[in-house]
PDB file of N, CA and C in Angstrom:
ATOM      1  N   MET A   1     -31.434  -3.464 -14.099  1.00  0.00           N
ATOM      2  CA  MET A   1     -31.683  -3.601 -12.691  1.00  0.00           C
ATOM      3  C   MET A   1     -33.169  -3.818 -12.392  1.00  0.00           C
ATOM      4  N   ILE A   2     -34.018  -3.207 -13.192  1.00  0.00           N
ATOM      5  CA  ILE A   2     -35.447  -3.394 -12.967  1.00  0.00           C
ATOM      6  C   ILE A   2     -35.819  -4.855 -13.195  1.00  0.00           C
ATOM      7  N   LEU A   3     -35.193  -5.480 -14.185  1.00  0.00           N
ATOM      8  CA  LEU A   3     -35.453  -6.889 -14.450  1.00  0.00           C
ATOM      9  C   LEU A   3     -35.041  -7.746 -13.250  1.00  0.00           C
ATOM     10  N   GLY A   4     -33.864  -7.461 -12.680  1.00  0.00           N
ATOM     11  CA  GLY A   4     -33.414  -8.207 -11.496  1.00  0.00           C
ATOM     12  C   GLY A   4     -34.328  -8.003 -10.313  1.00  0.00           C
ATOM     13  N   SER A   5     -34.811  -6.796 -10.150  1.00  0.00           N
ATOM     14  CA  SER A   5     -35.747  -6.505  -9.062  1.00  0.00           C
ATOM     15  C   SER A   5     -37.039  -7.280  -9.239  1.00  0.00           C
ATOM     16  N   GLY A   6     -37.532  -7.327 -10.472  1.00  0.00           N
ATOM     17  CA  GLY A   6     -38.764  -8.068 -10.737  1.00  0.00           C
ATOM     18  C   GLY A   6     -38.591  -9.561 -10.550  1.00  0.00           C
ATOM     19  N   MET A   7     -37.428 -10.094 -10.950  1.00  0.00           N
ATOM     20  CA  MET A   7     -37.185 -11.521 -10.804  1.00  0.00           C
ATOM     21  C   MET A   7     -37.136 -11.921  -9.337  1.00  0.00           C
ATOM     22  N   LEU A   8     -36.611 -11.053  -8.495  1.00  0.00           N
ATOM     23  CA  LEU A   8     -36.530 -11.352  -7.072  1.00  0.00           C
ATOM     24  C   LEU A   8     -37.810 -11.000  -6.328  1.00  0.00           C
ATOM     25  N   GLY A   9     -38.675 -10.253  -6.975  1.00  0.00           N
ATOM     26  CA  GLY A   9     -39.915  -9.848  -6.320  1.00  0.00           C
ATOM     27  C   GLY A   9     -39.695  -8.773  -5.273  1.00  0.00           C
ATOM     28  N   ALA A  10     -38.603  -8.032  -5.396  1.00  0.00           N
ATOM     29  CA  ALA A  10     -38.289  -6.980  -4.430  1.00  0.00           C
ATOM     30  C   ALA A  10     -38.674  -5.623  -5.008  1.00  0.00           C
ATOM     31  N   PRO A  11     -39.121  -4.718  -4.187  1.00  0.00           N
ATOM     32  CA  PRO A  11     -39.370  -3.363  -4.675  1.00  0.00           C
ATOM     33  C   PRO A  11     -38.074  -2.739  -5.193  1.00  0.00           C
ATOM     34  N   PHE A  12     -38.194  -1.970  -6.258  1.00  0.00           N
ATOM     35  CA  PHE A  12     -37.005  -1.408  -6.901  1.00  0.00           C
ATOM     36  C   PHE A  12     -36.205  -0.534  -5.941  1.00  0.00           C
ATOM     37  N   TRP A  13     -36.870   0.231  -5.084  1.00  0.00           N
ATOM     38  CA  TRP A  13     -36.165   1.157  -4.198  1.00  0.00           C
ATOM     39  C   TRP A  13     -35.465   0.434  -3.047  1.00  0.00           C
ATOM     40  N   ILE A  14     -35.772  -0.823  -2.831  1.00  0.00           N
ATOM     41  CA  ILE A  14     -35.011  -1.638  -1.879  1.00  0.00           C
ATOM     42  C   ILE A  14     -33.889  -2.355  -2.619  1.00  0.00           C
ATOM     43  N   PHE A  15     -34.184  -2.793  -3.831  1.00  0.00           N
ATOM     44  CA  PHE A  15     -33.202  -3.522  -4.629  1.00  0.00           C
ATOM     45  C   PHE A  15     -32.016  -2.644  -5.014  1.00  0.00           C
ATOM     46  N   LEU A  16     -32.259  -1.393  -5.382  1.00  0.00           N
ATOM     47  CA  LEU A  16     -31.206  -0.512  -5.876  1.00  0.00           C
ATOM     48  C   LEU A  16     -30.086  -0.287  -4.865  1.00  0.00           C
ATOM     49  N   PRO A  17     -30.358   0.115  -3.618  1.00  0.00           N
ATOM     50  CA  PRO A  17     -29.235   0.285  -2.684  1.00  0.00           C
ATOM     51  C   PRO A  17     -28.554  -1.032  -2.331  1.00  0.00           C
ATOM     52  N   THR A  18     -29.324  -2.111  -2.295  1.00  0.00           N
ATOM     53  CA  THR A  18     -28.732  -3.413  -2.004  1.00  0.00           C
ATOM     54  C   THR A  18     -27.782  -3.835  -3.111  1.00  0.00           C
ATOM     55  N   TYR A  19     -28.191  -3.633  -4.350  1.00  0.00           N
ATOM     56  CA  TYR A  19     -27.344  -3.949  -5.501  1.00  0.00           C
ATOM     57  C   TYR A  19     -26.083  -3.091  -5.478  1.00  0.00           C
ATOM     58  N   THR A  20     -26.248  -1.815  -5.194  1.00  0.00           N
ATOM     59  CA  THR A  20     -25.106  -0.899  -5.159  1.00  0.00           C
ATOM     60  C   THR A  20     -24.127  -1.295  -4.066  1.00  0.00           C
ATOM     61  N   LEU A  21     -24.629  -1.641  -2.899  1.00  0.00           N
ATOM     62  CA  LEU A  21     -23.762  -2.064  -1.801  1.00  0.00           C
ATOM     63  C   LEU A  21     -23.024  -3.353  -2.150  1.00  0.00           C
ATOM     64  N   GLY A  22     -23.726  -4.306  -2.753  1.00  0.00           N
ATOM     65  CA  GLY A  22     -23.083  -5.555  -3.149  1.00  0.00           C
ATOM     66  C   GLY A  22     -21.987  -5.343  -4.173  1.00  0.00           C
ATOM     67  N   HIS A  23     -22.235  -4.458  -5.118  1.00  0.00           N
ATOM     68  CA  HIS A  23     -21.219  -4.159  -6.126  1.00  0.00           C
ATOM     69  C   HIS A  23     -20.013  -3.467  -5.486  1.00  0.00           C
ATOM     70  N   ALA A  24     -20.265  -2.564  -4.552  1.00  0.00           N
ATOM     71  CA  ALA A  24     -19.177  -1.869  -3.877  1.00  0.00           C
ATOM     72  C   ALA A  24     -18.336  -2.828  -3.040  1.00  0.00           C
ATOM     73  N   VAL A  25     -18.979  -3.793  -2.403  1.00  0.00           N
ATOM     74  CA  VAL A  25     -18.252  -4.769  -1.572  1.00  0.00           C
ATOM     75  C   VAL A  25     -17.304  -5.601  -2.438  1.00  0.00           C
ATOM     76  N   ARG A  26     -17.699  -5.875  -3.673  1.00  0.00           N
ATOM     77  CA  ARG A  26     -16.835  -6.648  -4.557  1.00  0.00           C
ATOM     78  C   ARG A  26     -15.753  -5.805  -5.209  1.00  0.00           C
ATOM     79  N   THR A  27     -16.019  -4.521  -5.462  1.00  0.00           N
ATOM     80  CA  THR A  27     -15.117  -3.702  -6.253  1.00  0.00           C
ATOM     81  C   THR A  27     -14.126  -2.901  -5.422  1.00  0.00           C
ATOM     82  N   TYR A  28     -14.561  -2.261  -4.355  1.00  0.00           N
ATOM     83  CA  TYR A  28     -13.704  -1.345  -3.617  1.00  0.00           C
ATOM     84  C   TYR A  28     -12.497  -1.996  -2.944  1.00  0.00           C
ATOM     85  N   PRO A  29     -12.606  -3.190  -2.374  1.00  0.00           N
ATOM     86  CA  PRO A  29     -11.385  -3.782  -1.790  1.00  0.00           C
ATOM     87  C   PRO A  29     -10.276  -3.998  -2.827  1.00  0.00           C
ATOM     88  N   VAL A  30     -10.638  -4.411  -4.017  1.00  0.00           N
ATOM     89  CA  VAL A  30      -9.635  -4.612  -5.065  1.00  0.00           C
ATOM     90  C   VAL A  30      -9.029  -3.275  -5.481  1.00  0.00           C
ATOM     91  N   ALA A  31      -9.870  -2.259  -5.629  1.00  0.00           N
ATOM     92  CA  ALA A  31      -9.375  -0.937  -5.990  1.00  0.00           C
ATOM     93  C   ALA A  31      -8.457  -0.377  -4.907  1.00  0.00           C
ATOM     94  N   LEU A  32      -8.812  -0.592  -3.648  1.00  0.00           N
ATOM     95  CA  LEU A  32      -7.991  -0.119  -2.542  1.00  0.00           C
ATOM     96  C   LEU A  32      -6.636  -0.817  -2.516  1.00  0.00           C
ATOM     97  N   LEU A  33      -6.631  -2.133  -2.720  1.00  0.00           N
ATOM     98  CA  LEU A  33      -5.357  -2.861  -2.777  1.00  0.00           C
ATOM     99  C   LEU A  33      -4.488  -2.382  -3.921  1.00  0.00           C
ATOM    100  N   PHE A  34      -5.091  -2.177  -5.084  1.00  0.00           N
ATOM    101  CA  PHE A  34      -4.311  -1.732  -6.232  1.00  0.00           C
ATOM    102  C   PHE A  34      -3.788  -0.318  -6.018  1.00  0.00           C
ATOM    103  N   TRP A  35      -4.598   0.541  -5.387  1.00  0.00           N
ATOM    104  CA  TRP A  35      -4.146   1.900  -5.114  1.00  0.00           C
ATOM    105  C   TRP A  35      -3.001   1.896  -4.107  1.00  0.00           C
ATOM    106  N   ALA A  36      -3.103   1.044  -3.085  1.00  0.00           N
ATOM    107  CA  ALA A  36      -2.106   1.029  -2.018  1.00  0.00           C
ATOM    108  C   ALA A  36      -0.798   0.367  -2.448  1.00  0.00           C
ATOM    109  N   LEU A  37      -0.891  -0.726  -3.183  1.00  0.00           N
ATOM    110  CA  LEU A  37       0.312  -1.504  -3.495  1.00  0.00           C
ATOM    111  C   LEU A  37       0.790  -1.357  -4.930  1.00  0.00           C
ATOM    112  N   GLY A  38      -0.018  -0.752  -5.764  1.00  0.00           N
ATOM    113  CA  GLY A  38       0.396  -0.417  -7.113  1.00  0.00           C
ATOM    114  C   GLY A  38       0.518  -1.596  -8.054  1.00  0.00           C
ATOM    115  N   PRO A  39       1.254  -1.382  -9.125  1.00  0.00           N
ATOM    116  CA  PRO A  39       1.344  -2.373 -10.205  1.00  0.00           C
ATOM    117  C   PRO A  39       1.968  -3.704  -9.812  1.00  0.00           C
ATOM    118  N   ARG A  40       2.753  -3.750  -8.739  1.00  0.00           N
ATOM    119  CA  ARG A  40       3.366  -5.035  -8.367  1.00  0.00           C
ATOM    120  C   ARG A  40       2.325  -6.040  -7.863  1.00  0.00           C
ATOM    121  N   LEU A  41       1.144  -5.559  -7.516  1.00  0.00           N
ATOM    122  CA  LEU A  41       0.068  -6.433  -7.064  1.00  0.00           C
ATOM    123  C   LEU A  41      -0.819  -6.899  -8.217  1.00  0.00           C
ATOM    124  N   GLN A  42      -0.666  -6.306  -9.385  1.00  0.00           N
ATOM    125  CA  GLN A  42      -1.546  -6.616 -10.511  1.00  0.00           C
ATOM    126  C   GLN A  42      -1.568  -8.099 -10.888  1.00  0.00           C
ATOM    127  N   PRO A  43      -0.453  -8.808 -10.976  1.00  0.00           N
ATOM    128  CA  PRO A  43      -0.527 -10.237 -11.313  1.00  0.00           C
ATOM    129  C   PRO A  43      -1.328 -11.045 -10.288  1.00  0.00           C
ATOM    130  N   TRP A  44      -1.187 -10.732  -9.002  1.00  0.00           N
ATOM    131  CA  TRP A  44      -1.954 -11.441  -7.967  1.00  0.00           C
ATOM    132  C   TRP A  44      -3.434 -11.155  -8.112  1.00  0.00           C
ATOM    133  N   ILE A  45      -3.784  -9.902  -8.358  1.00  0.00           N
ATOM    134  CA  ILE A  45      -5.192  -9.533  -8.506  1.00  0.00           C
ATOM    135  C   ILE A  45      -5.791 -10.255  -9.702  1.00  0.00           C
ATOM    136  N   GLU A  46      -5.073 -10.294 -10.811  1.00  0.00           N
ATOM    137  CA  GLU A  46      -5.599 -10.956 -12.006  1.00  0.00           C
ATOM    138  C   GLU A  46      -5.806 -12.449 -11.790  1.00  0.00           C
ATOM    139  N   CYS A  47      -4.995 -13.063 -10.958  1.00  0.00           N
ATOM    140  CA  CYS A  47      -5.123 -14.511 -10.722  1.00  0.00           C
ATOM    141  C   CYS A  47      -6.193 -14.848  -9.688  1.00  0.00           C
ATOM    142  N   TYR A  48      -6.306 -14.068  -8.641  1.00  0.00           N
ATOM    143  CA  TYR A  48      -7.100 -14.487  -7.493  1.00  0.00           C
ATOM    144  C   TYR A  48      -8.313 -13.633  -7.166  1.00  0.00           C
ATOM    145  N   VAL A  49      -8.620 -12.616  -7.953  1.00  0.00           N
ATOM    146  CA  VAL A  49      -9.717 -11.716  -7.585  1.00  0.00           C
ATOM    147  C   VAL A  49     -11.064 -12.440  -7.614  1.00  0.00           C
ATOM    148  N   GLU A  50     -11.280 -13.348  -8.547  1.00  0.00           N
ATOM    149  CA  GLU A  50     -12.560 -14.060  -8.600  1.00  0.00           C
ATOM    150  C   GLU A  50     -12.732 -14.966  -7.386  1.00  0.00           C
ATOM    151  N   ILE A  51     -11.673 -15.658  -7.027  1.00  0.00           N
ATOM    152  CA  ILE A  51     -11.729 -16.569  -5.881  1.00  0.00           C
ATOM    153  C   ILE A  51     -11.937 -15.785  -4.583  1.00  0.00           C
ATOM    154  N   ALA A  52     -11.195 -14.698  -4.425  1.00  0.00           N
ATOM    155  CA  ALA A  52     -11.324 -13.890  -3.214  1.00  0.00           C
ATOM    156  C   ALA A  52     -12.722 -13.272  -3.121  1.00  0.00           C
ATOM    157  N   SER A  53     -13.254 -12.804  -4.235  1.00  0.00           N
ATOM    158  CA  SER A  53     -14.600 -12.220  -4.232  1.00  0.00           C
ATOM    159  C   SER A  53     -15.645 -13.273  -3.894  1.00  0.00           C
ATOM    160  N   ALA A  54     -15.498 -14.467  -4.441  1.00  0.00           N
ATOM    161  CA  ALA A  54     -16.452 -15.532  -4.164  1.00  0.00           C
ATOM    162  C   ALA A  54     -16.417 -15.926  -2.686  1.00  0.00           C
ATOM    163  N   ILE A  55     -15.239 -16.061  -2.123  1.00  0.00           N
ATOM    164  CA  ILE A  55     -15.112 -16.424  -0.711  1.00  0.00           C
ATOM    165  C   ILE A  55     -15.713 -15.333   0.176  1.00  0.00           C
ATOM    166  N   PHE A  56     -15.439 -14.078  -0.147  1.00  0.00           N
ATOM    167  CA  PHE A  56     -15.970 -12.975   0.642  1.00  0.00           C
ATOM    168  C   PHE A  56     -17.491 -12.910   0.546  1.00  0.00           C
ATOM    169  N   THR A  57     -18.035 -13.144  -0.649  1.00  0.00           N
ATOM    170  CA  THR A  57     -19.486 -13.128  -0.834  1.00  0.00           C
ATOM    171  C   THR A  57     -20.144 -14.258  -0.052  1.00  0.00           C
ATOM    172  N   ILE A  58     -19.560 -15.443  -0.099  1.00  0.00           N
ATOM    173  CA  ILE A  58     -20.096 -16.582   0.658  1.00  0.00           C
ATOM    174  C   ILE A  58     -20.034 -16.303   2.151  1.00  0.00           C
ATOM    175  N   LEU A  59     -18.934 -15.739   2.610  1.00  0.00           N
ATOM    176  CA  LEU A  59     -18.788 -15.409   4.029  1.00  0.00           C
ATOM    177  C   LEU A  59     -19.850 -14.401   4.467  1.00  0.00           C
ATOM    178  N   CYS A  60     -20.071 -13.366   3.671  1.00  0.00           N
ATOM    179  CA  CYS A  60     -21.102 -12.368   4.009  1.00  0.00           C
ATOM    180  C   CYS A  60     -22.487 -12.995   4.021  1.00  0.00           C
ATOM    181  N   THR A  61     -22.764 -13.871   3.070  1.00  0.00           N
ATOM    182  CA  THR A  61     -24.066 -14.539   3.017  1.00  0.00           C
ATOM    183  C   THR A  61     -24.282 -15.405   4.248  1.00  0.00           C
ATOM    184  N   VAL A  62     -23.271 -16.146   4.646  1.00  0.00           N
ATOM    185  CA  VAL A  62     -23.378 -16.995   5.838  1.00  0.00           C
ATOM    186  C   VAL A  62     -23.583 -16.142   7.085  1.00  0.00           C
ATOM    187  N   LEU A  63     -22.863 -15.038   7.186  1.00  0.00           N
ATOM    188  CA  LEU A  63     -23.022 -14.170   8.350  1.00  0.00           C
ATOM    189  C   LEU A  63     -24.428 -13.586   8.423  1.00  0.00           C
ATOM    190  N   VAL A  64     -24.989 -13.187   7.296  1.00  0.00           N
ATOM    191  CA  VAL A  64     -26.357 -12.664   7.279  1.00  0.00           C
ATOM    192  C   VAL A  64     -27.337 -13.757   7.669  1.00  0.00           C
ATOM    193  N   MET A  65     -27.146 -14.966   7.148  1.00  0.00           N
ATOM    194  CA  MET A  65     -28.036 -16.071   7.488  1.00  0.00           C
ATOM    195  C   MET A  65     -27.968 -16.388   8.976  1.00  0.00           C
ATOM    196  N   VAL A  66     -26.792 -16.388   9.560  1.00  0.00           N
ATOM    197  CA  VAL A  66     -26.643 -16.648  10.986  1.00  0.00           C
ATOM    198  C   VAL A  66     -27.333 -15.558  11.789  1.00  0.00           C
ATOM    199  N   PHE A  67     -27.168 -14.319  11.360  1.00  0.00           N
ATOM    200  CA  PHE A  67     -27.817 -13.208  12.052  1.00  0.00           C
ATOM    201  C   PHE A  67     -29.347 -13.349  12.005  1.00  0.00           C
ATOM    202  N   VAL A  68     -29.870 -13.714  10.848  1.00  0.00           N
ATOM    203  CA  VAL A  68     -31.320 -13.870  10.715  1.00  0.00           C
ATOM    204  C   VAL A  68     -31.816 -15.014  11.594  1.00  0.00           C
ATOM    205  N   VAL A  69     -31.107 -16.130  11.596  1.00  0.00           N
ATOM    206  CA  VAL A  69     -31.539 -17.284  12.393  1.00  0.00           C
ATOM    207  C   VAL A  69     -31.463 -16.961  13.889  1.00  0.00           C
ATOM    208  N   LEU A  70     -30.423 -16.292  14.315  1.00  0.00           N
ATOM    209  CA  LEU A  70     -30.279 -15.986  15.745  1.00  0.00           C
ATOM    210  C   LEU A  70     -31.224 -14.889  16.211  1.00  0.00           C
ATOM    211  N   SER A  71     -31.674 -14.035  15.309  1.00  0.00           N
ATOM    212  CA  SER A  71     -32.553 -12.944  15.711  1.00  0.00           C
ATOM    213  C   SER A  71     -34.023 -13.372  15.774  1.00  0.00           C
ATOM    214  N   VAL A  72     -34.338 -14.566  15.313  1.00  0.00           N
ATOM    215  CA  VAL A  72     -35.734 -15.029  15.338  1.00  0.00           C
ATOM    216  C   VAL A  72     -36.103 -15.549  16.694  1.00  0.00           C
TER     217      VAL A  72
END
């Protein structure tokens, strides 16, 4: 993580919670779905989790960019 912080030029204490939040956004929805719907959802998760995570990440990035542009 220190390497990633240095590559981005961000202070480590800002990078760490941001990294943790990003990881949680990708991991917890899948865990919640699997907990709620059980093993019958496993084939769907194995097929589509990468696509769903990518779409969600892009959507969050666009929303942040729109917020930054509108707040200026």
